Amino acid sequence: MNQPIGEDIGAVGESCGARLRAARERAGLSLEDLSDRLHMPVASLRALESDDWARAGAPIFVRGQLRSYARTLAIELDPAQVERQLEGLAPPPLVSHSHVPRYRRMFEQATRRAMYIAITAVLAVPVWWTTRPHLSNEIDVRSLDVVPGARVDAPLDGQEPGVVERTPVLASMGGARAPAAAPDKAPPPPPATAADGLVLAFTGASWVEVSAPDGSVIEQALLGEGDIRSYRPGEIGEVVLGNVAAVDARNGGQAVDLSAFARANVARFALSSDGSLQARAD
């Protein structure tokens, strides 16, 4: 066990640092030797011996270092003298490592928000652009329904007699049928070549089925107001008309009373080769 070097070390009024240095030199130890024993930096030991305790750290650390130094050299330091020397030490400035200046905090927040907006745009814009055609309500699709087009009085080149051109209708995505385009002007009167045949003029909606003399169906459609159909003698065999009240018929230029061929508002009649009309049974 270490024995005290002596109570008479140092003169009266000698500083604590000077007493520590004198005790170390009397013990024959270097700063490096003492640093190995105390596990303290040489710079801290030198600061204690030179009474430059401010470099050694806060007062609470200096007290612990002095006690370890004095215990190793088996000397006693006057606590009152130690406290008097510590009173002159200014507390080291406290540096906050968590405080962030306001301007820096605002800059970091703005940077994060801009980054979030950029990431959202990079992810959302391609998805929106890809799905945009499917979300539009303005896309038109071609319907399977057809409506009658312009009246054809005479057969065209390569077209069979009595065949009427039909125009496809575009329906919206909502399922509503687009109305047929209104003609720019009223349809022309039946040509003189049809004066000897059958002419049907429609003032309202009426279902029509026209068959050829051999029984094949020439036309089967729902016609509306303003539609006109004309057929030459021998061109058709049988006619079925729904809603007879909405159809005006002329045969050979003479008005035809369709009620004579009607039953439950449906008229059925045949057109003979000589142009006369004959009622047909159901």
Protein backbone atom coordinates (compact mmCIF):
# COMPACT_ATOMS: atom_id res chain seq x y z
CA MET A 1 0.00 0.00 0.00
CA ASN A 2 1.30 3.45 -0.89
CA GLN A 3 2.43 5.55 2.02
CA PRO A 4 2.00 9.32 2.17
CA ILE A 5 5.07 11.04 0.85
CA GLY A 6 4.85 13.59 3.63
CA GLU A 7 2.73 16.33 5.00
CA ASP A 8 5.42 18.95 4.51
CA ILE A 9 5.39 18.72 0.71
CA GLY A 10 5.29 22.21 -0.74
CA ALA A 11 5.33 25.51 1.01
CA VAL A 12 2.36 27.11 2.62
CA GLY A 13 0.22 28.85 0.01
CA GLU A 14 1.52 26.59 -2.73
CA SER A 15 -1.14 25.79 -5.37
CA CYS A 16 -2.68 22.37 -5.71
CA GLY A 17 -1.08 21.90 -9.14
CA ALA A 18 2.36 22.67 -7.79
CA ARG A 19 1.91 20.16 -4.94
CA LEU A 20 0.84 17.48 -7.45
CA ARG A 21 3.88 18.10 -9.65
CA ALA A 22 6.26 18.09 -6.70
CA ALA A 23 4.79 14.82 -5.42
CA ARG A 24 5.10 13.19 -8.86
CA GLU A 25 8.72 14.27 -9.26
CA ARG A 26 9.54 13.08 -5.71
CA ALA A 27 8.02 9.69 -6.62
CA GLY A 28 10.19 9.57 -9.76
CA LEU A 29 7.27 9.29 -12.15
CA SER A 30 6.90 10.97 -15.52
CA LEU A 31 3.66 12.28 -16.93
CA GLU A 32 3.56 9.29 -19.26
CA ASP A 33 3.96 6.85 -16.37
CA LEU A 34 1.21 8.53 -14.43
CA SER A 35 -0.99 8.64 -17.55
CA ASP A 36 -0.71 4.85 -17.85
CA ARG A 37 -1.67 4.38 -14.21
CA LEU A 38 -4.59 6.81 -14.20
CA HIS A 39 -5.71 6.16 -17.81
CA MET A 40 -5.83 9.91 -18.33
CA PRO A 41 -4.39 11.93 -21.22
CA VAL A 42 -0.99 13.51 -20.63
CA ALA A 43 -2.49 16.88 -21.63
CA SER A 44 -5.04 16.66 -18.81
CA LEU A 45 -2.33 15.82 -16.24
CA ARG A 46 -0.18 18.71 -17.45
CA ALA A 47 -3.21 21.05 -17.18
CA LEU A 48 -3.79 19.94 -13.57
CA GLU A 49 -0.15 20.51 -12.58
CA SER A 50 -0.07 23.96 -14.21
CA ASP A 51 -3.36 24.92 -12.50
CA ASP A 52 -4.90 25.46 -15.94
CA TRP A 53 -7.98 23.54 -14.89
CA ALA A 54 -10.21 25.14 -17.50
CA ARG A 55 -8.58 22.92 -20.12
CA ALA A 56 -9.23 19.84 -18.01
CA GLY A 57 -12.99 20.23 -18.33
CA ALA A 58 -15.93 21.16 -16.11
CA PRO A 59 -15.38 21.54 -12.35
CA ILE A 60 -17.07 18.26 -11.59
CA PHE A 61 -14.55 16.43 -13.81
CA VAL A 62 -11.62 18.38 -12.37
CA ARG A 63 -12.55 17.31 -8.82
CA GLY A 64 -12.54 13.66 -9.83
CA GLN A 65 -9.22 13.96 -11.63
CA LEU A 66 -7.60 15.70 -8.62
CA ARG A 67 -8.81 12.99 -6.25
CA SER A 68 -7.44 10.24 -8.52
CA TYR A 69 -4.10 12.06 -8.92
CA ALA A 70 -3.70 12.68 -5.17
CA ARG A 71 -4.77 9.10 -4.25
CA THR A 72 -2.19 7.63 -6.63
CA LEU A 73 0.63 9.77 -5.12
CA ALA A 74 -0.70 9.22 -1.54
CA ILE A 75 -1.08 12.91 -0.76
CA GLU A 76 -3.97 14.92 0.55
CA LEU A 77 -5.15 18.19 -0.99
CA ASP A 78 -6.92 20.85 1.04
CA PRO A 79 -10.59 20.75 -0.09
CA ALA A 80 -11.04 24.42 0.71
CA GLN A 81 -8.04 25.32 -1.44
CA VAL A 82 -9.39 23.15 -4.26
CA GLU A 83 -12.77 24.88 -4.10
CA ARG A 84 -11.16 28.35 -4.08
CA GLN A 85 -9.27 27.52 -7.26
CA LEU A 86 -12.36 26.02 -8.87
CA GLU A 87 -14.42 29.16 -8.14
CA GLY A 88 -12.46 31.06 -10.73
CA LEU A 89 -13.35 28.61 -13.48
CA ALA A 90 -16.05 29.74 -15.88
CA PRO A 91 -18.49 26.95 -16.75
CA PRO A 92 -17.82 25.65 -20.25
CA PRO A 93 -20.37 26.74 -22.86
CA LEU A 94 -23.10 24.21 -23.48
CA VAL A 95 -23.42 23.35 -27.13
CA SER A 96 -26.77 21.93 -28.15
CA HIS A 97 -26.49 19.24 -30.76
CA SER A 98 -30.26 18.92 -31.20
CA HIS A 99 -31.19 22.55 -31.84
CA VAL A 100 -31.82 23.40 -35.47
CA PRO A 101 -32.06 27.03 -36.61
CA ARG A 102 -35.48 28.12 -37.76
CA TYR A 103 -34.39 28.93 -41.31
CA ARG A 104 -32.78 25.52 -41.65
CA ARG A 105 -35.87 23.78 -40.29
CA MET A 106 -38.11 25.63 -42.76
CA PHE A 107 -35.76 24.80 -45.62
CA GLU A 108 -35.77 21.10 -44.71
CA GLN A 109 -39.58 21.05 -44.48
CA ALA A 110 -39.93 22.75 -47.87
CA THR A 111 -37.44 20.30 -49.36
CA ARG A 112 -39.35 17.29 -48.01
CA ARG A 113 -42.68 18.61 -49.32
CA ALA A 114 -41.20 19.26 -52.75
CA MET A 115 -39.79 15.75 -52.79
CA TYR A 116 -43.19 14.25 -51.85
CA ILE A 117 -44.91 16.26 -54.60
CA ALA A 118 -42.31 15.17 -57.16
CA ILE A 119 -42.66 11.50 -56.18
CA THR A 120 -46.47 11.73 -56.32
CA ALA A 121 -46.33 13.33 -59.77
CA VAL A 122 -43.92 10.68 -61.07
CA LEU A 123 -46.24 7.90 -59.89
CA ALA A 124 -49.67 9.45 -60.52
CA VAL A 125 -49.23 11.15 -63.91
CA PRO A 126 -48.42 7.94 -65.88
CA VAL A 127 -51.36 6.15 -64.23
CA TRP A 128 -53.74 9.01 -65.04
CA TRP A 129 -52.48 9.25 -68.63
CA THR A 130 -52.88 5.48 -69.12
CA THR A 131 -56.43 5.31 -67.72
CA ARG A 132 -57.69 8.62 -69.16
CA PRO A 133 -59.34 7.08 -72.29
CA HIS A 134 -61.28 4.62 -70.12
CA LEU A 135 -62.56 7.37 -67.82
CA SER A 136 -63.87 9.62 -70.59
CA ASN A 137 -67.63 9.78 -71.17
CA GLU A 138 -67.25 11.23 -74.65
CA ILE A 139 -66.27 8.01 -76.41
CA ASP A 140 -68.75 6.90 -79.06
CA VAL A 141 -69.25 3.29 -79.99
CA ARG A 142 -70.94 1.88 -83.03
CA SER A 143 -74.34 0.43 -82.26
CA LEU A 144 -75.78 -2.63 -83.92
CA ASP A 145 -79.06 -0.78 -84.39
CA VAL A 146 -79.72 0.82 -87.77
CA VAL A 147 -82.21 3.34 -88.96
CA PRO A 148 -83.43 3.81 -92.49
CA GLY A 149 -81.55 6.31 -94.58
CA ALA A 150 -82.57 8.33 -97.60
CA ARG A 151 -85.31 6.98 -99.87
CA VAL A 152 -84.15 5.08 -102.91
CA ASP A 153 -86.75 5.09 -105.71
CA ALA A 154 -84.78 3.37 -108.42
CA PRO A 155 -82.25 0.55 -108.05
CA LEU A 156 -78.61 1.57 -108.26
CA ASP A 157 -76.01 -0.20 -110.34
CA GLY A 158 -75.45 -3.65 -108.89
CA GLN A 159 -78.27 -3.22 -106.30
CA GLU A 160 -81.40 -5.33 -106.21
CA PRO A 161 -84.74 -3.53 -106.67
CA GLY A 162 -86.46 -2.42 -103.46
CA VAL A 163 -83.31 -2.58 -101.27
CA VAL A 164 -83.01 0.57 -99.14
CA GLU A 165 -79.68 1.96 -97.94
CA ARG A 166 -79.30 2.03 -94.18
CA THR A 167 -77.10 4.31 -92.07
CA PRO A 168 -75.43 3.08 -88.85
CA VAL A 169 -76.15 5.00 -85.65
CA LEU A 170 -73.57 6.03 -83.04
CA ALA A 171 -74.69 5.50 -79.46
CA SER A 172 -73.07 7.12 -76.45
CA MET A 173 -71.56 5.19 -73.58
CA GLY A 174 -74.69 5.89 -71.52
CA GLY A 175 -76.69 3.63 -73.81
CA ALA A 176 -78.93 6.36 -75.26
CA ARG A 177 -79.41 6.11 -78.99
CA ALA A 178 -78.29 9.12 -80.98
CA PRO A 179 -81.12 10.59 -83.06
CA ALA A 180 -80.90 10.31 -86.79
CA ALA A 181 -79.68 13.43 -88.50
CA ALA A 182 -82.54 15.54 -89.77
CA PRO A 183 -82.50 16.14 -93.52
CA ASP A 184 -81.57 19.58 -94.72
CA LYS A 185 -84.78 19.76 -96.71
CA ALA A 186 -88.03 17.85 -97.13
CA PRO A 187 -87.71 14.60 -99.11
CA PRO A 188 -88.57 15.00 -102.79
CA PRO A 189 -91.96 13.70 -103.99
CA PRO A 190 -92.11 10.19 -105.46
CA PRO A 191 -90.72 10.09 -108.99
CA ALA A 192 -93.03 9.65 -111.93
CA THR A 193 -91.72 6.11 -112.45
CA ALA A 194 -93.34 5.06 -109.14
CA ALA A 195 -96.77 6.50 -109.94
CA ASP A 196 -97.97 3.09 -111.14
CA GLY A 197 -96.57 1.27 -108.05
CA LEU A 198 -97.07 1.27 -104.26
CA VAL A 199 -95.97 4.33 -102.23
CA LEU A 200 -95.92 4.31 -98.40
CA ALA A 201 -95.49 7.63 -96.53
CA PHE A 202 -95.02 7.51 -92.74
CA THR A 203 -96.32 10.19 -90.38
CA GLY A 204 -95.24 8.36 -87.23
CA ALA A 205 -93.44 5.27 -85.97
CA SER A 206 -94.47 2.09 -87.76
CA TRP A 207 -92.98 -1.38 -88.00
CA VAL A 208 -92.62 -2.60 -91.63
CA GLU A 209 -91.88 -5.96 -93.22
CA VAL A 210 -91.74 -6.19 -97.02
CA SER A 211 -91.27 -9.53 -98.79
CA ALA A 212 -90.44 -10.32 -102.42
CA PRO A 213 -92.78 -12.44 -104.58
CA ASP A 214 -90.61 -15.48 -103.80
CA GLY A 215 -91.10 -14.96 -100.03
CA SER A 216 -87.64 -13.54 -99.23
CA VAL A 217 -87.60 -10.51 -96.91
CA ILE A 218 -86.60 -7.31 -98.67
CA GLU A 219 -86.88 -5.00 -95.68
CA GLN A 220 -87.73 -5.34 -92.03
CA ALA A 221 -87.35 -2.16 -89.95
CA LEU A 222 -88.94 0.42 -87.67
CA LEU A 223 -89.60 3.56 -89.71
CA GLY A 224 -90.49 7.02 -88.45
CA GLU A 225 -92.09 10.29 -89.45
CA GLY A 226 -90.92 11.56 -92.82
CA ASP A 227 -89.81 8.17 -94.20
CA ILE A 228 -91.15 7.16 -97.65
CA ARG A 229 -90.96 3.83 -99.44
CA SER A 230 -92.00 3.17 -103.06
CA TYR A 231 -92.14 -0.12 -104.98
CA ARG A 232 -92.78 -0.91 -108.65
CA PRO A 233 -95.46 -3.40 -109.76
CA GLY A 234 -94.17 -6.95 -109.46
CA GLU A 235 -91.33 -5.83 -107.19
CA ILE A 236 -92.88 -7.00 -103.91
CA GLY A 237 -95.17 -9.83 -102.89
CA GLU A 238 -96.47 -9.11 -99.38
CA VAL A 239 -96.47 -6.15 -96.96
CA VAL A 240 -97.03 -6.09 -93.18
CA LEU A 241 -97.53 -2.67 -91.53
CA GLY A 242 -97.77 -1.93 -87.81
CA ASN A 243 -99.59 1.18 -86.48
CA VAL A 244 -101.63 1.60 -89.63
CA ALA A 245 -102.89 5.03 -88.50
CA ALA A 246 -99.37 6.43 -89.04
CA VAL A 247 -99.09 5.25 -92.68
CA ASP A 248 -100.49 6.87 -95.83
CA ALA A 249 -100.55 4.45 -98.79
CA ARG A 250 -101.06 5.11 -102.52
CA ASN A 251 -101.25 2.49 -105.22
CA GLY A 252 -101.14 3.53 -108.84
CA GLY A 253 -101.53 7.15 -107.74
CA GLN A 254 -104.78 6.40 -105.84
CA ALA A 255 -105.17 6.59 -102.05
CA VAL A 256 -105.52 3.20 -100.33
CA ASP A 257 -107.68 2.67 -97.25
CA LEU A 258 -105.41 0.45 -95.14
CA SER A 259 -108.16 -0.14 -92.57
CA ALA A 260 -109.66 -2.63 -95.02
CA PHE A 261 -106.54 -4.77 -94.57
CA ALA A 262 -106.00 -3.98 -90.86
CA ARG A 263 -106.65 -6.09 -87.83
CA ALA A 264 -105.65 -4.87 -84.35
CA ASN A 265 -103.95 -1.89 -86.04
CA VAL A 266 -101.76 -4.23 -88.16
CA ALA A 267 -102.35 -4.38 -91.93
CA ARG A 268 -101.37 -7.37 -94.09
CA PHE A 269 -101.83 -7.35 -97.83
CA ALA A 270 -100.30 -8.72 -101.01
CA LEU A 271 -99.49 -6.92 -104.25
CA SER A 272 -100.46 -8.91 -107.32
CA SER A 273 -98.62 -8.79 -110.61
CA ASP A 274 -101.22 -6.41 -112.06
CA GLY A 275 -100.70 -3.96 -109.20
CA SER A 276 -103.90 -4.59 -107.25
CA LEU A 277 -103.89 -5.09 -103.48
CA GLN A 278 -105.30 -8.21 -101.88
CA ALA A 279 -105.86 -8.89 -98.18
CA ARG A 280 -103.84 -11.68 -96.63
CA ALA A 281 -104.85 -13.84 -93.69
CA ASP A 282 -102.72 -13.98 -90.50
